[in-house]
Amino acid sequence: MPSRSVRNQALAAVGAFAAAVALLTATAPTSAAAGGYPTCTFYKTISSGGLNIKVPSTAAPSGTTTCNLVLNPNAKSDDAAVKVLQTSLKTCEGYSYLDVDGAYGPQTFLAVKALQSKYGLDADGYYGPQTRNAMKHAGSLGRCGRV
């Protein structure tokens, strides 16, 4: 049986993790706060600067890229729009630690927030049209481009 101090340390660690998730959830904007745009659910391939880049969109091939993604700790993984965003963050923007798992959880939220700060945007952690326009997106032949 673990000692009382080991058990207390484990409980403290679990409590700290729960508090961090609660803080991120409480500070994440809702889709209404994200400009009222529809949620990105897929991706669209756009020709830009001689290469084809993948950008989150509402549907393919005719969906709009004027959409948003927000922190959702309860979201299922394997979301196509989130995977495209995570791939671009990892490949084109230098967030090499980011898992491409399709879930817009705390790791993706914090990467988007850091990216927004890097480009002088309001760092709220949600992906929307301003973030889309500022960031580089993964494209063909391992190259990156902007919308």
Protein backbone atom coordinates (compact mmCIF):
# COMPACT_ATOMS: atom_id res chain seq x y z
CA MET A 1 0.00 0.00 0.00
CA PRO A 2 1.46 3.43 -0.97
CA SER A 3 2.48 5.77 1.78
CA ARG A 4 0.24 8.65 2.75
CA SER A 5 2.64 11.24 1.24
CA VAL A 6 2.77 9.42 -2.14
CA ARG A 7 -1.01 9.17 -2.18
CA ASN A 8 -1.34 12.87 -1.28
CA GLN A 9 1.10 13.82 -4.05
CA ALA A 10 -0.88 11.76 -6.56
CA LEU A 11 -4.14 13.38 -5.46
CA ALA A 12 -2.56 16.83 -5.71
CA ALA A 13 -1.37 16.07 -9.26
CA VAL A 14 -4.84 14.87 -10.30
CA GLY A 15 -6.38 17.97 -8.73
CA ALA A 16 -3.95 20.28 -10.54
CA PHE A 17 -4.73 18.60 -13.86
CA ALA A 18 -8.49 18.90 -13.27
CA ALA A 19 -8.08 22.58 -12.38
CA ALA A 20 -6.10 23.23 -15.58
CA VAL A 21 -8.76 21.55 -17.73
CA ALA A 22 -11.50 23.49 -15.93
CA LEU A 23 -9.62 26.76 -16.47
CA LEU A 24 -9.14 26.07 -20.17
CA THR A 25 -12.78 25.10 -20.54
CA ALA A 26 -13.97 28.18 -18.67
CA THR A 27 -11.78 30.56 -20.70
CA ALA A 28 -12.39 29.03 -24.12
CA PRO A 29 -14.79 30.99 -26.29
CA THR A 30 -18.04 29.46 -27.42
CA SER A 31 -18.88 29.40 -31.11
CA ALA A 32 -21.09 32.45 -30.49
CA ALA A 33 -18.07 34.31 -29.09
CA ALA A 34 -16.06 33.12 -32.08
CA GLY A 35 -17.82 35.57 -34.38
CA GLY A 36 -20.93 33.49 -34.90
CA TYR A 37 -19.28 31.57 -37.75
CA PRO A 38 -20.28 28.00 -38.46
CA THR A 39 -18.08 25.22 -37.11
CA CYS A 40 -15.40 23.83 -39.43
CA THR A 41 -16.19 20.16 -40.01
CA PHE A 42 -14.03 19.22 -42.98
CA TYR A 43 -11.34 20.79 -45.14
CA LYS A 44 -11.07 22.38 -48.54
CA THR A 45 -8.09 22.29 -50.91
CA ILE A 46 -7.26 25.77 -52.17
CA SER A 47 -4.75 26.75 -54.84
CA SER A 48 -2.37 29.36 -53.45
CA GLY A 49 0.96 30.50 -54.85
CA GLY A 50 1.32 27.50 -57.12
CA LEU A 51 0.54 24.84 -54.54
CA ASN A 52 -2.57 23.24 -53.15
CA ILE A 53 -3.08 23.91 -49.44
CA LYS A 54 -5.63 22.29 -47.13
CA VAL A 55 -7.71 24.67 -45.02
CA PRO A 56 -10.46 23.82 -42.50
CA SER A 57 -13.92 24.43 -43.96
CA THR A 58 -17.59 23.68 -43.40
CA ALA A 59 -17.69 21.04 -46.16
CA ALA A 60 -15.79 19.96 -49.24
CA PRO A 61 -15.46 20.94 -52.03
CA SER A 62 -17.94 23.82 -51.92
CA GLY A 63 -17.90 24.71 -48.20
CA THR A 64 -16.75 28.01 -46.82
CA THR A 65 -13.43 28.45 -45.04
CA THR A 66 -15.01 31.22 -42.98
CA CYS A 67 -15.65 28.96 -40.04
CA ASN A 68 -14.24 28.34 -36.56
CA LEU A 69 -12.89 25.69 -34.23
CA VAL A 70 -12.97 26.09 -30.46
CA LEU A 71 -11.69 24.15 -27.47
CA ASN A 72 -13.87 21.15 -26.83
CA PRO A 73 -12.41 18.71 -24.28
CA ASN A 74 -15.35 16.37 -24.93
CA ALA A 75 -14.94 16.32 -28.72
CA LYS A 76 -14.34 13.08 -30.51
CA SER A 77 -10.95 12.64 -32.05
CA ASP A 78 -10.44 12.10 -35.76
CA ASP A 79 -12.17 15.35 -36.82
CA ALA A 80 -10.93 16.11 -40.37
CA ALA A 81 -10.91 19.91 -39.93
CA VAL A 82 -8.95 19.69 -36.68
CA LYS A 83 -6.45 17.25 -38.22
CA VAL A 84 -5.79 19.69 -41.08
CA LEU A 85 -5.28 22.53 -38.58
CA GLN A 86 -2.98 20.40 -36.38
CA THR A 87 -0.95 19.29 -39.41
CA SER A 88 -0.44 22.91 -40.47
CA LEU A 89 0.50 23.98 -36.94
CA LYS A 90 2.99 21.12 -36.67
CA THR A 91 4.45 21.21 -40.20
CA CYS A 92 4.34 24.89 -41.11
CA GLU A 93 4.31 26.83 -37.85
CA GLY A 94 6.87 24.91 -35.78
CA TYR A 95 4.64 23.29 -33.14
CA SER A 96 6.42 19.95 -33.57
CA TYR A 97 5.20 18.63 -30.19
CA LEU A 98 1.55 18.81 -31.30
CA ASP A 99 -0.25 15.49 -31.75
CA VAL A 100 -2.29 15.21 -34.94
CA ASP A 101 -5.18 13.37 -33.33
CA GLY A 102 -8.20 15.30 -34.63
CA ALA A 103 -9.32 16.50 -31.18
CA TYR A 104 -9.37 20.24 -30.41
CA GLY A 105 -8.23 19.78 -26.83
CA PRO A 106 -5.95 21.79 -24.53
CA GLN A 107 -2.79 21.09 -26.57
CA THR A 108 -4.30 22.45 -29.80
CA PHE A 109 -5.96 25.34 -27.96
CA LEU A 110 -2.60 26.43 -26.48
CA ALA A 111 -0.79 26.04 -29.84
CA VAL A 112 -3.41 28.24 -31.57
CA LYS A 113 -3.17 30.78 -28.75
CA ALA A 114 0.65 30.90 -29.10
CA LEU A 115 0.33 31.24 -32.89
CA GLN A 116 -2.10 34.13 -32.48
CA SER A 117 0.34 35.91 -30.14
CA LYS A 118 3.16 35.30 -32.63
CA TYR A 119 1.17 37.06 -35.38
CA GLY A 120 -0.15 39.89 -33.16
CA LEU A 121 -3.75 38.66 -33.12
CA ASP A 122 -6.12 38.59 -30.16
CA ALA A 123 -4.85 35.43 -28.46
CA ASP A 124 -8.11 33.70 -27.55
CA GLY A 125 -7.18 30.16 -28.61
CA TYR A 126 -9.88 29.64 -31.20
CA TYR A 127 -9.33 29.16 -34.91
CA GLY A 128 -11.33 31.55 -37.07
CA PRO A 129 -10.92 33.72 -40.18
CA GLN A 130 -8.18 35.98 -38.71
CA THR A 131 -6.10 33.01 -37.61
CA ARG A 132 -6.73 31.30 -40.97
CA ASN A 133 -5.42 34.33 -42.86
CA ALA A 134 -2.35 34.83 -40.65
CA MET A 135 -1.03 31.27 -40.47
CA LYS A 136 0.70 29.05 -43.00
CA HIS A 137 -1.17 25.95 -44.12
CA ALA A 138 0.25 22.58 -45.15
CA GLY A 139 0.25 22.03 -48.86
CA SER A 140 1.41 19.80 -51.63
CA LEU A 141 4.96 18.44 -51.73
CA GLY A 142 5.49 19.22 -48.05
CA ARG A 143 5.45 22.96 -48.70
CA CYS A 144 3.41 25.56 -46.83
CA GLY A 145 1.42 28.57 -48.00
CA ARG A 146 -1.04 31.21 -46.90
CA VAL A 147 -4.63 31.67 -48.02
